[in-house]
Amino acid sequence: MQNSGRVVQQSVVGDDTGWSNAPFPALVADADGAVRGLNDAARLLFPRAVVGDRLDKSCAPWLARAHHEFTTRANRGGEPVRGPVALRSFEAHPISGDRGAVVWWLVEDTDVRLAREQLRVERERAELLGRMSSALSTSLHPERCMEVTARLAADHLADAAVVIAPGRSGEYPVTHCVRDETSAHSVLSFDPYDVPGLGEALQGFPPVPSRWLDPLSAPTWLLPGGFGEVASIVVTPLPGHGVPAGALVLLRGAGRARFTEDEEAFARLFAARAGAAISAARMFAQQGAITEALVGDLLPPVLRQVDGVEYAGRYRASVDAERIGGDFYDVHPAANADTEEGEALAVLGDVCGKGLAAAVLTGKVRTTLHALLPLADDHQRVLGLLNNALLTSHNSRFVTLVLASVRRVGAHVRLRLTSGGHLPPLVLRTNGEVQEVATSGTLVGVLPEITSTTADVLLAPGETCLLYTDGITEALGGPMGDEMFGEQRLRDALVDCAGMPADAIVEHVHMLASHWVGTGEHDDIAVLAITAPRGRHLTAVDGHGPGRYTA
């Protein structure tokens, strides 16, 4: 550069053609800031420049300031300075000349500056998308995702943002947010076609260019409270998973530049990320609601006193993180409970397997039994029809169960018990004696024909019949974790429960089995107690379950 400086000085003095034909604009200014010479490229860049004029008059104010700093030694290192000329950007390099003169070589860096600016913008946008993904991934709640989307869009893309979800019957969930303010969620009634492009965006169609939208036509409901005049609007769809997730509306206030095509393109990219998150949250919420409804039908019922007889049950799925499994119990009140012949039907069963697949078959079995209630007095027929239903249902699972017809006879309770391949029930007498009910039968859902035997049992006041699944007796645990709970431990546990109400008995048995298993794996566990109440027995305040003493 020093050599270039000497050539320049010689060229200026001698009017050398090399100075005039140099590809970069160059000019010479004296110590007072007056122009003393320009080459051809500099004259094209500064067409009004005249030798003798000051730099700030005929060239550029920023170049005049840089010249002053250089000549007064404020810029001792001679660092290049940058500034605009018309719509272009230049980097000016100073070189000291004779008698305080300075030669300024100007190198255009417009493309470099634009590239750096674009890189900065893209980095900021990538960071914004990353922050958005992180913020949206922390929530699977649709309303929360809408609020995060509106806030980020208002803070980084516009002055205000509105997120609109698909609606029903003319009502739409809407989230408004103004920059640096909290978002507000509400449900509004409006016609989306009042905003050009909004109705189409809610259906997932491509957005309408911002330049086609009249900001003054924006309806009142679209604007956040106190937003003021709108200068520019962008409406873009929020794409979802197979179905539209809604629409995003960006607003800029008066005095702000309109949205550029590049900003609209980035808004669509932002909306794609947000729409995917909102759609996933909405699908998760819908699946949760569906699951809750289905699980509610598959869970065992809350038992209460039925026809003067106490019932209580406990259930625990094979995996503590799950709520449903293959064990079940039900109590169906007698259809003719007002007559002495009316019998309630209690059922406890165990479907082969565990988890969701077993729970699905459990639901089918319970539904089939409910449909067969008019035939409940004929246990053999009920088991036969259930067996046929399972054989024709294209599943390879079977079920074991016990049917118990229950009728109050004065102060006693009469039971008819029939086993379909299940463990025999146990009867706990008031003196602590535990008796096994003599009923047996074949598995249900395996053979074309099944056989079973029915046993009659009479319970005196305070006596209990316990139905249970093999999740109790086959529970592995103990000191080494590999010993079965076994039927003898169950009998011993029942001895300690003589005279207790039904709820206390099942709680005691369930507690002992759970303690035996500890944190180990176990099968589904279900236990059902049928108790003939004493003269004073436990009921709830409304007489529908255990809670307080009543005569």
Protein backbone atom coordinates (compact mmCIF):
# COMPACT_ATOMS: atom_id res chain seq x y z
CA MET A 1 0.00 0.00 0.00
CA GLN A 2 2.92 2.39 0.65
CA ASN A 3 4.10 1.83 -2.89
CA SER A 4 0.60 2.53 -4.12
CA GLY A 5 0.67 5.77 -2.11
CA ARG A 6 3.83 6.95 -3.83
CA VAL A 7 2.39 6.11 -7.24
CA VAL A 8 -0.72 8.09 -6.41
CA GLN A 9 1.21 11.14 -5.31
CA GLN A 10 3.34 11.06 -8.42
CA SER A 11 0.25 10.50 -10.54
CA VAL A 12 -1.57 13.41 -9.00
CA VAL A 13 1.33 15.73 -9.49
CA GLY A 14 2.24 14.42 -12.89
CA ASP A 15 -1.28 13.50 -14.10
CA ASP A 16 -0.16 9.93 -14.64
CA THR A 17 -2.58 7.76 -16.62
CA GLY A 18 -2.15 4.93 -14.06
CA TRP A 19 -3.84 7.07 -11.41
CA SER A 20 -6.73 7.95 -13.69
CA ASN A 21 -7.32 4.42 -14.91
CA ALA A 22 -7.10 2.71 -11.49
CA PRO A 23 -10.04 0.26 -11.02
CA PHE A 24 -10.78 1.57 -7.51
CA PRO A 25 -12.04 5.08 -6.76
CA ALA A 26 -9.27 7.24 -5.28
CA LEU A 27 -9.12 10.86 -4.25
CA VAL A 28 -6.63 13.19 -2.59
CA ALA A 29 -7.60 15.65 0.15
CA ASP A 30 -5.35 18.18 1.85
CA ALA A 31 -4.98 18.70 5.58
CA ASP A 32 -7.96 21.07 5.61
CA GLY A 33 -10.27 18.50 4.02
CA ALA A 34 -10.42 20.02 0.57
CA VAL A 35 -10.39 17.80 -2.53
CA ARG A 36 -7.16 18.12 -4.50
CA GLY A 37 -7.60 15.31 -7.02
CA LEU A 38 -9.84 12.44 -8.17
CA ASN A 39 -9.31 9.60 -10.57
CA ASP A 40 -11.89 8.57 -13.15
CA ALA A 41 -13.54 5.95 -10.90
CA ALA A 42 -13.89 8.52 -8.08
CA ARG A 43 -15.52 11.03 -10.44
CA LEU A 44 -18.10 8.41 -11.39
CA LEU A 45 -18.75 7.67 -7.73
CA PHE A 46 -18.92 11.34 -6.73
CA PRO A 47 -20.24 13.10 -9.86
CA ARG A 48 -20.68 16.44 -8.06
CA ALA A 49 -17.17 16.49 -6.62
CA VAL A 50 -15.05 19.46 -7.75
CA VAL A 51 -11.42 20.05 -6.97
CA GLY A 52 -11.27 22.62 -4.20
CA ASP A 53 -14.58 21.61 -2.59
CA ARG A 54 -14.62 20.17 0.88
CA LEU A 55 -15.15 16.45 1.31
CA ASP A 56 -18.36 16.85 3.31
CA LYS A 57 -19.87 19.01 0.57
CA SER A 58 -19.08 17.12 -2.59
CA CYS A 59 -18.32 13.58 -1.39
CA ALA A 60 -19.60 11.99 1.82
CA PRO A 61 -19.88 13.30 5.38
CA TRP A 62 -18.55 10.06 6.85
CA LEU A 63 -15.46 10.33 4.65
CA ALA A 64 -14.92 13.91 5.82
CA ARG A 65 -15.08 12.81 9.48
CA ALA A 66 -12.66 9.96 8.81
CA HIS A 67 -10.27 12.40 7.08
CA HIS A 68 -10.38 14.75 10.07
CA GLU A 69 -9.68 11.90 12.52
CA PHE A 70 -6.76 10.68 10.39
CA THR A 71 -5.13 14.09 9.98
CA THR A 72 -5.55 14.94 13.67
CA ARG A 73 -4.03 11.57 14.65
CA ALA A 74 -7.26 10.37 16.24
CA ASN A 75 -7.00 7.40 13.87
CA ARG A 76 -3.30 6.76 14.42
CA GLY A 77 -3.29 3.25 12.95
CA GLY A 78 -4.86 4.31 9.68
CA GLU A 79 -7.61 1.71 10.10
CA PRO A 80 -10.08 1.47 7.21
CA VAL A 81 -13.44 3.14 7.74
CA ARG A 82 -16.77 2.16 6.23
CA GLY A 83 -19.72 4.15 5.00
CA PRO A 84 -22.47 4.37 2.39
CA VAL A 85 -22.41 6.11 -0.94
CA ALA A 86 -25.87 6.23 -2.45
CA LEU A 87 -27.15 2.65 -2.05
CA ARG A 88 -23.69 1.11 -1.99
CA SER A 89 -21.19 0.48 0.81
CA PHE A 90 -17.46 1.26 0.68
CA GLU A 91 -14.38 0.67 2.78
CA ALA A 92 -11.98 3.65 2.66
CA HIS A 93 -8.23 3.11 3.18
CA PRO A 94 -6.12 6.19 4.06
CA ILE A 95 -2.48 6.69 2.92
CA SER A 96 -0.41 9.66 4.07
CA GLY A 97 0.97 11.92 1.35
CA ASP A 98 3.16 15.04 1.20
CA ARG A 99 2.33 18.22 3.14
CA GLY A 100 -0.46 16.59 5.15
CA ALA A 101 -2.38 15.35 2.14
CA VAL A 102 -4.17 12.00 2.36
CA VAL A 103 -4.96 9.60 -0.45
CA TRP A 104 -8.23 7.72 0.09
CA TRP A 105 -8.67 4.46 -1.78
CA LEU A 106 -12.28 3.25 -1.75
CA VAL A 107 -13.05 -0.46 -2.08
CA GLU A 108 -16.68 -1.44 -2.48
CA ASP A 109 -17.84 -4.03 0.09
CA THR A 110 -21.59 -3.92 -0.62
CA ASP A 111 -21.81 -7.63 -1.41
CA VAL A 112 -19.67 -8.57 1.59
CA ARG A 113 -21.74 -6.37 3.90
CA LEU A 114 -25.00 -7.80 2.55
CA ALA A 115 -23.65 -11.32 2.96
CA ARG A 116 -22.59 -10.61 6.53
CA GLU A 117 -25.96 -9.05 7.29
CA GLN A 118 -27.77 -12.00 5.77
CA LEU A 119 -25.59 -14.39 7.78
CA ARG A 120 -26.43 -12.47 10.95
CA VAL A 121 -30.13 -12.59 10.16
CA GLU A 122 -30.01 -16.31 9.39
CA ARG A 123 -28.15 -17.00 12.62
CA GLU A 124 -30.75 -15.06 14.58
CA ARG A 125 -33.54 -16.92 12.81
CA ALA A 126 -31.91 -20.29 13.44
CA GLU A 127 -31.52 -19.36 17.09
CA LEU A 128 -35.18 -18.31 17.22
CA LEU A 129 -36.33 -21.59 15.67
CA GLY A 130 -34.17 -23.48 18.16
CA ARG A 131 -35.61 -21.56 21.10
CA MET A 132 -39.11 -22.08 19.75
CA SER A 133 -38.60 -25.83 19.38
CA SER A 134 -37.19 -26.01 22.91
CA ALA A 135 -40.04 -23.96 24.39
CA LEU A 136 -42.75 -25.89 22.56
CA SER A 137 -41.24 -29.29 23.38
CA THR A 138 -41.71 -28.65 27.09
CA SER A 139 -45.49 -28.61 26.81
CA LEU A 140 -48.05 -30.94 25.28
CA HIS A 141 -50.93 -28.63 26.17
CA PRO A 142 -52.52 -27.03 23.04
CA GLU A 143 -53.35 -23.73 24.72
CA ARG A 144 -49.84 -23.43 26.15
CA CYS A 145 -48.32 -24.10 22.70
CA MET A 146 -50.53 -21.38 21.21
CA GLU A 147 -49.36 -18.92 23.87
CA VAL A 148 -45.66 -19.71 23.28
CA THR A 149 -46.11 -19.36 19.51
CA ALA A 150 -47.87 -16.00 19.84
CA ARG A 151 -45.29 -14.62 22.27
CA LEU A 152 -42.25 -15.63 20.19
CA ALA A 153 -43.84 -14.35 16.99
CA ALA A 154 -44.73 -11.01 18.58
CA ASP A 155 -41.26 -10.54 20.08
CA HIS A 156 -39.22 -11.51 17.02
CA LEU A 157 -41.33 -11.32 13.86
CA ALA A 158 -43.80 -8.48 14.35
CA ASP A 159 -45.27 -6.00 16.82
CA ALA A 160 -48.18 -8.32 17.68
CA ALA A 161 -49.23 -11.86 16.82
CA VAL A 162 -52.52 -13.74 16.82
CA VAL A 163 -52.76 -17.55 16.83
CA ILE A 164 -56.14 -18.96 15.80
CA ALA A 165 -57.05 -22.63 16.19
CA PRO A 166 -59.71 -24.44 14.12
CA GLY A 167 -63.12 -23.84 15.63
CA ARG A 168 -66.57 -25.34 15.85
CA SER A 169 -69.95 -23.71 15.29
CA GLY A 170 -68.34 -20.36 14.57
CA GLU A 171 -66.31 -20.27 17.80
CA TYR A 172 -62.51 -20.23 17.60
CA PRO A 173 -59.79 -20.47 20.29
CA VAL A 174 -57.65 -17.35 19.85
CA THR A 175 -54.42 -16.19 21.51
CA HIS A 176 -53.38 -12.52 21.23
CA CYS A 177 -49.93 -11.24 22.18
CA VAL A 178 -48.26 -7.84 21.87
CA ARG A 179 -44.47 -7.51 21.94
CA ASP A 180 -43.03 -7.59 25.48
CA GLU A 181 -46.46 -8.30 26.98
CA THR A 182 -48.19 -11.43 28.23
CA SER A 183 -50.49 -13.34 25.92
CA ALA A 184 -54.26 -13.56 26.34
CA HIS A 185 -56.28 -16.65 25.38
CA SER A 186 -60.00 -16.55 24.66
CA VAL A 187 -62.73 -18.17 22.58
CA LEU A 188 -64.28 -15.78 20.05
CA SER A 189 -67.19 -15.93 17.63
CA PHE A 190 -66.42 -14.47 14.20
CA ASP A 191 -66.41 -15.14 10.48
CA PRO A 192 -62.81 -15.96 9.47
CA TYR A 193 -63.51 -14.74 5.95
CA ASP A 194 -63.72 -11.20 7.32
CA VAL A 195 -59.91 -11.30 7.10
CA PRO A 196 -58.70 -12.01 3.54
CA GLY A 197 -56.81 -15.28 3.49
CA LEU A 198 -57.70 -16.32 7.05
CA GLY A 199 -60.51 -18.69 6.10
CA GLU A 200 -58.25 -20.37 3.57
CA ALA A 201 -55.33 -20.52 6.04
CA LEU A 202 -57.51 -22.29 8.61
CA GLN A 203 -58.18 -24.92 5.96
CA GLY A 204 -54.47 -25.32 5.22
CA PHE A 205 -54.34 -23.48 1.88
CA PRO A 206 -51.24 -21.41 0.93
CA PRO A 207 -51.05 -17.89 2.36
CA VAL A 208 -52.17 -14.71 0.60
CA PRO A 209 -49.22 -12.30 0.00
CA SER A 210 -49.10 -9.48 2.53
CA ARG A 211 -49.18 -6.82 -0.19
CA TRP A 212 -52.67 -7.98 -1.14
CA LEU A 213 -54.07 -7.33 2.34
CA ASP A 214 -55.50 -3.96 3.35
CA PRO A 215 -54.42 -3.27 6.97
CA LEU A 216 -57.29 -0.81 7.46
CA SER A 217 -59.81 -3.61 6.85
CA ALA A 218 -58.66 -5.65 9.88
CA PRO A 219 -61.70 -6.36 12.12
CA THR A 220 -61.68 -5.27 15.75
CA TRP A 221 -61.57 -8.82 17.15
CA LEU A 222 -58.26 -9.46 15.35
CA LEU A 223 -56.40 -6.60 17.07
CA PRO A 224 -55.05 -6.91 20.63
CA GLY A 225 -56.47 -4.33 23.01
CA GLY A 226 -54.92 -0.88 22.54
CA PHE A 227 -52.77 -1.93 19.58
CA GLY A 228 -53.64 1.09 17.44
CA GLU A 229 -53.35 1.48 13.68
CA VAL A 230 -52.09 -1.47 11.64
CA ALA A 231 -49.54 -0.85 8.88
CA SER A 232 -49.02 -4.39 7.59
CA ILE A 233 -50.55 -7.87 8.02
CA VAL A 234 -49.27 -11.37 7.30
CA VAL A 235 -51.65 -14.35 7.40
CA THR A 236 -50.09 -17.81 7.14
CA PRO A 237 -51.41 -21.30 7.89
CA LEU A 238 -50.12 -23.47 10.73
CA PRO A 239 -49.60 -26.87 9.07
CA GLY A 240 -50.41 -29.84 11.30
CA HIS A 241 -50.11 -33.62 11.15
CA GLY A 242 -52.54 -34.44 8.36
CA VAL A 243 -54.98 -31.69 9.33
CA PRO A 244 -54.45 -27.91 9.69
CA ALA A 245 -53.41 -26.76 13.17
CA GLY A 246 -54.74 -23.22 12.70
CA ALA A 247 -53.44 -19.89 11.41
CA LEU A 248 -50.84 -17.31 12.46
CA VAL A 249 -51.49 -13.58 11.92
CA LEU A 250 -48.61 -11.10 12.26
CA LEU A 251 -49.28 -7.38 12.75
CA ARG A 252 -47.02 -4.32 12.43
CA GLY A 253 -48.09 -0.95 13.74
CA ALA A 254 -48.08 2.45 12.10
CA GLY A 255 -44.63 3.85 11.35
CA ARG A 256 -43.08 0.44 10.77
CA ALA A 257 -41.91 -0.90 7.40
CA ARG A 258 -44.16 -3.37 5.66
CA PHE A 259 -43.31 -7.06 5.73
CA THR A 260 -40.86 -8.05 3.02
CA GLU A 261 -41.15 -11.21 0.94
CA ASP A 262 -38.15 -12.62 2.81
CA GLU A 263 -39.86 -11.97 6.16
CA GLU A 264 -43.04 -13.61 4.90
CA ALA A 265 -41.05 -16.65 3.82
CA PHE A 266 -39.48 -16.95 7.26
CA ALA A 267 -42.91 -16.50 8.86
CA ARG A 268 -44.08 -19.56 6.92
CA LEU A 269 -41.07 -21.56 8.17
CA PHE A 270 -41.78 -20.40 11.73
CA ALA A 271 -45.45 -21.35 11.31
CA ALA A 272 -44.52 -24.83 10.07
CA ARG A 273 -42.54 -25.53 13.25
CA ALA A 274 -45.24 -24.08 15.48
CA GLY A 275 -48.05 -25.88 13.65
CA ALA A 276 -46.35 -29.24 14.08
CA ALA A 277 -45.98 -28.64 17.83
CA ILE A 278 -49.56 -27.41 18.28
CA SER A 279 -50.90 -30.32 16.25
CA ALA A 280 -48.89 -32.82 18.31
CA ALA A 281 -50.17 -31.28 21.53
CA ARG A 282 -53.75 -31.40 20.27
CA MET A 283 -53.38 -35.04 19.22
CA PHE A 284 -51.88 -35.89 22.61
CA ALA A 285 -54.78 -34.19 24.41
CA GLN A 286 -57.34 -35.99 22.25
CA GLN A 287 -55.66 -39.34 22.78
CA GLY A 288 -55.51 -38.66 26.51
CA ALA A 289 -59.24 -37.93 26.61
CA ILE A 290 -60.02 -41.04 24.56
CA THR A 291 -57.77 -43.19 26.73
CA GLU A 292 -59.33 -41.85 29.91
CA ALA A 293 -62.81 -42.65 28.61
CA LEU A 294 -61.82 -46.17 27.53
CA VAL A 295 -59.85 -46.92 30.69
CA GLY A 296 -62.79 -45.72 32.77
CA ASP A 297 -64.90 -48.51 31.26
CA LEU A 298 -62.18 -51.13 31.72
CA LEU A 299 -61.40 -50.41 35.38
CA PRO A 300 -63.23 -52.43 38.03
CA PRO A 301 -66.24 -50.62 39.50
CA VAL A 302 -66.45 -48.98 42.91
CA LEU A 303 -68.40 -51.49 44.97
CA ARG A 304 -71.06 -50.73 47.54
CA GLN A 305 -73.75 -52.47 49.53
CA VAL A 306 -76.21 -54.13 47.18
CA ASP A 307 -79.55 -55.60 48.28
CA GLY A 308 -78.43 -55.63 51.91
CA VAL A 309 -75.15 -57.47 51.21
CA GLU A 310 -71.67 -55.98 51.62
CA TYR A 311 -69.29 -56.07 48.64
CA ALA A 312 -65.71 -54.85 48.51
CA GLY A 313 -62.89 -55.29 45.99
CA ARG A 314 -59.30 -54.37 45.37
CA TYR A 315 -57.40 -54.37 42.10
CA ARG A 316 -53.77 -53.85 41.09
CA ALA A 317 -52.42 -54.11 37.55
CA SER A 318 -49.29 -56.14 36.85
CA VAL A 319 -47.27 -52.99 36.13
CA ASP A 320 -47.70 -50.14 38.59
CA ALA A 321 -47.40 -47.60 35.76
CA GLU A 322 -50.49 -49.13 34.10
CA ARG A 323 -54.08 -48.94 35.34
CA ILE A 324 -55.68 -51.83 33.47
CA GLY A 325 -54.99 -55.51 33.00
CA GLY A 326 -56.56 -58.94 32.68
CA ASP A 327 -58.18 -59.34 36.12
CA PHE A 328 -61.68 -58.02 36.76
CA TYR A 329 -64.71 -58.15 39.00
CA ASP A 330 -68.30 -56.90 38.74
CA VAL A 331 -71.43 -56.88 40.86
CA HIS A 332 -74.80 -56.69 39.10
CA PRO A 333 -77.85 -56.02 41.29
CA ALA A 334 -80.82 -58.34 40.97
CA ALA A 335 -83.34 -57.38 38.33
CA ASN A 336 -86.17 -58.37 40.74
CA ALA A 337 -84.56 -57.26 44.00
CA ASP A 338 -87.96 -56.55 45.58
CA THR A 339 -88.82 -60.29 45.61
CA GLU A 340 -87.32 -63.01 47.76
CA GLU A 341 -86.14 -64.83 44.61
CA GLY A 342 -84.08 -61.86 43.34
CA GLU A 343 -80.38 -62.65 43.06
CA ALA A 344 -77.47 -60.31 42.46
CA LEU A 345 -74.66 -61.62 40.28
CA ALA A 346 -71.04 -61.17 41.35
CA VAL A 347 -68.25 -62.10 38.93
CA LEU A 348 -64.50 -62.32 39.38
CA GLY A 349 -62.25 -63.42 36.51
CA ASP A 350 -58.78 -63.59 35.07
CA VAL A 351 -58.02 -63.26 31.35
CA CYS A 352 -54.92 -65.03 30.09
CA GLY A 353 -52.07 -62.54 29.80
CA LYS A 354 -51.70 -59.01 31.09
CA GLY A 355 -51.46 -55.46 29.91
CA LEU A 356 -53.54 -53.73 27.26
CA ALA A 357 -54.25 -56.82 25.14
CA ALA A 358 -55.65 -58.68 28.15
CA ALA A 359 -57.61 -55.58 29.22
CA VAL A 360 -59.31 -55.40 25.81
CA LEU A 361 -60.52 -58.99 26.12
CA THR A 362 -61.52 -58.26 29.71
CA GLY A 363 -63.79 -55.52 28.41
CA LYS A 364 -65.37 -57.91 25.90
CA VAL A 365 -65.95 -60.57 28.58
CA ARG A 366 -67.55 -58.08 30.96
CA THR A 367 -69.76 -56.72 28.18
CA THR A 368 -70.84 -60.23 27.17
CA LEU A 369 -71.67 -61.15 30.76
CA HIS A 370 -73.68 -57.99 31.13
CA ALA A 371 -75.69 -58.95 28.04
CA LEU A 372 -76.30 -62.41 29.56
CA LEU A 373 -77.71 -61.07 32.85
CA PRO A 374 -81.27 -62.18 31.99
CA LEU A 375 -79.90 -65.75 32.10
CA ALA A 376 -77.86 -65.22 35.28
CA ASP A 377 -79.82 -67.82 37.28
CA ASP A 378 -78.45 -70.56 34.96
CA HIS A 379 -74.67 -70.49 35.50
CA GLN A 380 -73.96 -73.39 33.15
CA ARG A 381 -75.78 -71.69 30.31
CA VAL A 382 -74.04 -68.38 30.92
CA LEU A 383 -70.63 -70.04 30.88
CA GLY A 384 -71.53 -71.98 27.72
CA LEU A 385 -72.65 -68.88 25.84
CA LEU A 386 -69.55 -66.96 26.98
CA ASN A 387 -67.38 -69.91 25.84
CA ASN A 388 -68.99 -69.83 22.38
CA ALA A 389 -68.48 -66.08 22.14
CA LEU A 390 -64.77 -66.40 22.92
CA LEU A 391 -64.27 -69.29 20.49
CA THR A 392 -65.72 -67.22 17.63
CA SER A 393 -63.92 -63.96 18.48
CA HIS A 394 -60.66 -64.84 16.62
CA ASN A 395 -58.49 -64.54 19.72
CA SER A 396 -56.27 -67.17 21.31
CA ARG A 397 -56.78 -66.08 24.90
CA PHE A 398 -58.95 -67.81 27.47
CA VAL A 399 -60.49 -66.72 30.72
CA THR A 400 -61.12 -68.26 34.13
CA LEU A 401 -63.88 -66.90 36.35
CA VAL A 402 -66.27 -67.53 39.21
CA LEU A 403 -69.96 -66.71 39.07
CA ALA A 404 -71.68 -66.00 42.39
CA SER A 405 -75.44 -65.55 42.61
CA VAL A 406 -76.15 -63.72 45.86
CA ARG A 407 -79.46 -63.47 47.72
CA ARG A 408 -80.30 -62.10 51.15
CA VAL A 409 -82.34 -64.59 53.20
CA GLY A 410 -83.30 -62.89 56.45
CA ALA A 411 -80.08 -62.22 58.37
CA HIS A 412 -78.18 -64.74 56.22
CA VAL A 413 -76.82 -64.59 52.69
CA ARG A 414 -77.21 -67.52 50.31
CA LEU A 415 -74.62 -68.00 47.54
CA ARG A 416 -74.58 -70.19 44.44
CA LEU A 417 -70.97 -70.41 43.24
CA THR A 418 -69.79 -71.83 39.89
CA SER A 419 -66.18 -71.95 38.76
CA GLY A 420 -65.07 -71.80 35.14
CA GLY A 421 -61.51 -73.09 35.55
CA HIS A 422 -60.84 -70.63 38.39
CA LEU A 423 -59.41 -70.97 41.87
CA PRO A 424 -62.08 -72.10 44.36
CA PRO A 425 -63.48 -69.34 46.60
CA LEU A 426 -62.77 -69.33 50.34
CA VAL A 427 -65.36 -68.86 53.08
CA LEU A 428 -64.38 -67.21 56.35
CA ARG A 429 -66.60 -68.18 59.28
CA THR A 430 -67.08 -66.05 62.38
CA ASN A 431 -64.98 -68.47 64.46
CA GLY A 432 -61.98 -67.96 62.15
CA GLU A 433 -62.38 -71.20 60.25
CA VAL A 434 -61.52 -70.97 56.53
CA GLN A 435 -63.35 -73.35 54.17
CA GLU A 436 -62.78 -74.01 50.48
CA VAL A 437 -65.90 -73.99 48.30
CA ALA A 438 -66.35 -77.24 46.36
CA THR A 439 -66.83 -75.85 42.85
CA SER A 440 -64.77 -76.52 39.75
CA GLY A 441 -64.97 -76.31 35.96
CA THR A 442 -63.08 -76.12 32.69
CA LEU A 443 -61.40 -73.06 31.22
CA VAL A 444 -63.65 -70.75 29.23
CA GLY A 445 -62.68 -70.11 25.62
CA VAL A 446 -60.59 -73.26 24.98
CA LEU A 447 -62.84 -76.28 24.36
CA PRO A 448 -66.07 -76.48 22.36
CA GLU A 449 -67.90 -77.77 25.42
CA ILE A 450 -67.30 -76.88 29.06
CA THR A 451 -68.35 -78.55 32.30
CA SER A 452 -68.70 -77.05 35.74
CA THR A 453 -70.12 -77.76 39.18
CA THR A 454 -72.15 -75.38 41.32
CA ALA A 455 -71.88 -75.19 45.11
CA ASP A 456 -74.33 -73.66 47.58
CA VAL A 457 -73.01 -71.67 50.53
CA LEU A 458 -74.89 -70.04 53.40
CA LEU A 459 -73.21 -67.09 55.15
CA ALA A 460 -74.22 -66.23 58.68
CA PRO A 461 -74.02 -62.56 59.80
CA GLY A 462 -70.38 -61.43 59.76
CA GLU A 463 -69.20 -64.28 57.53
CA THR A 464 -67.43 -63.67 54.20
CA CYS A 465 -66.88 -65.42 50.90
CA LEU A 466 -63.61 -64.35 49.24
CA LEU A 467 -63.02 -64.57 45.49
CA TYR A 468 -59.45 -63.95 44.29
CA THR A 469 -57.14 -64.39 41.32
CA ASP A 470 -53.82 -66.22 41.15
CA GLY A 471 -52.08 -62.83 41.31
CA ILE A 472 -52.49 -63.24 45.09
CA THR A 473 -51.37 -66.84 45.60
CA GLU A 474 -48.64 -66.81 42.92
CA ALA A 475 -47.14 -63.49 43.94
CA LEU A 476 -43.37 -63.92 44.18
CA GLY A 477 -41.61 -62.20 47.04
CA GLY A 478 -40.48 -62.84 50.58
CA PRO A 479 -36.95 -62.54 51.98
CA MET A 480 -35.27 -63.84 48.79
CA GLY A 481 -37.88 -62.56 46.36
CA ASP A 482 -38.52 -65.97 44.78
CA GLU A 483 -41.13 -67.54 47.08
CA MET A 484 -44.85 -67.66 46.28
CA PHE A 485 -47.32 -66.07 48.66
CA GLY A 486 -49.31 -69.31 48.46
CA GLU A 487 -52.79 -70.36 49.51
CA GLN A 488 -51.75 -71.17 53.08
CA ARG A 489 -50.59 -67.60 53.74
CA LEU A 490 -53.88 -66.40 52.28
CA ARG A 491 -55.80 -68.67 54.64
CA ASP A 492 -53.72 -67.50 57.61
CA ALA A 493 -54.38 -63.89 56.63
CA LEU A 494 -58.12 -64.57 56.54
CA VAL A 495 -58.09 -66.13 60.01
CA ASP A 496 -57.04 -62.75 61.40
CA CYS A 497 -59.99 -61.10 59.62
CA ALA A 498 -62.80 -63.08 61.24
CA GLY A 499 -65.83 -60.85 61.82
CA MET A 500 -64.40 -57.90 59.87
CA PRO A 501 -66.49 -56.05 57.27
CA ALA A 502 -65.84 -56.77 53.60
CA ASP A 503 -63.80 -53.65 52.94
CA ALA A 504 -61.43 -54.34 55.84
CA ILE A 505 -60.85 -57.91 54.67
CA VAL A 506 -59.94 -57.07 51.08
CA GLU A 507 -57.73 -54.21 52.26
CA HIS A 508 -55.87 -56.54 54.62
CA VAL A 509 -55.35 -59.23 51.97
CA HIS A 510 -54.30 -56.75 49.33
CA MET A 511 -51.88 -55.04 51.73
CA LEU A 512 -50.21 -58.32 52.69
CA ALA A 513 -49.81 -59.42 49.06
CA SER A 514 -48.40 -56.03 48.04
CA HIS A 515 -45.96 -56.09 50.95
CA TRP A 516 -44.92 -59.64 50.02
CA VAL A 517 -44.19 -58.61 46.41
CA GLY A 518 -42.45 -55.37 47.37
CA THR A 519 -40.92 -53.77 44.30
CA GLY A 520 -40.72 -57.03 42.36
CA GLU A 521 -42.73 -58.03 39.32
CA HIS A 522 -46.16 -59.54 39.79
CA ASP A 523 -49.25 -60.59 37.89
CA ASP A 524 -52.54 -58.71 37.94
CA ILE A 525 -54.16 -58.92 41.39
CA ALA A 526 -57.88 -58.86 42.10
CA VAL A 527 -59.85 -59.79 45.18
CA LEU A 528 -63.61 -59.59 45.88
CA ALA A 529 -65.30 -60.10 49.25
CA ILE A 530 -69.02 -60.86 49.78
CA THR A 531 -70.06 -60.42 53.41
CA ALA A 532 -73.30 -61.04 55.26
CA PRO A 533 -73.59 -57.93 57.44
CA ARG A 534 -74.18 -58.04 61.17
CA GLY A 535 -77.03 -56.16 62.77
CA ARG A 536 -74.74 -53.14 62.81
CA HIS A 537 -72.46 -52.88 59.79
CA LEU A 538 -70.18 -50.43 58.10
CA THR A 539 -71.74 -48.23 55.41
CA ALA A 540 -71.00 -44.84 53.90
CA VAL A 541 -72.88 -41.72 54.90
CA ASP A 542 -75.37 -42.45 52.12
CA GLY A 543 -75.45 -46.16 52.89
CA HIS A 544 -73.52 -47.07 49.73
CA GLY A 545 -70.19 -48.21 51.10
CA PRO A 546 -67.97 -48.46 54.17
CA GLY A 547 -67.69 -45.38 56.28
CA ARG A 548 -69.56 -45.34 59.62
CA TYR A 549 -71.70 -47.51 61.85
CA THR A 550 -75.43 -47.56 61.26
CA ALA A 551 -78.18 -49.77 62.56
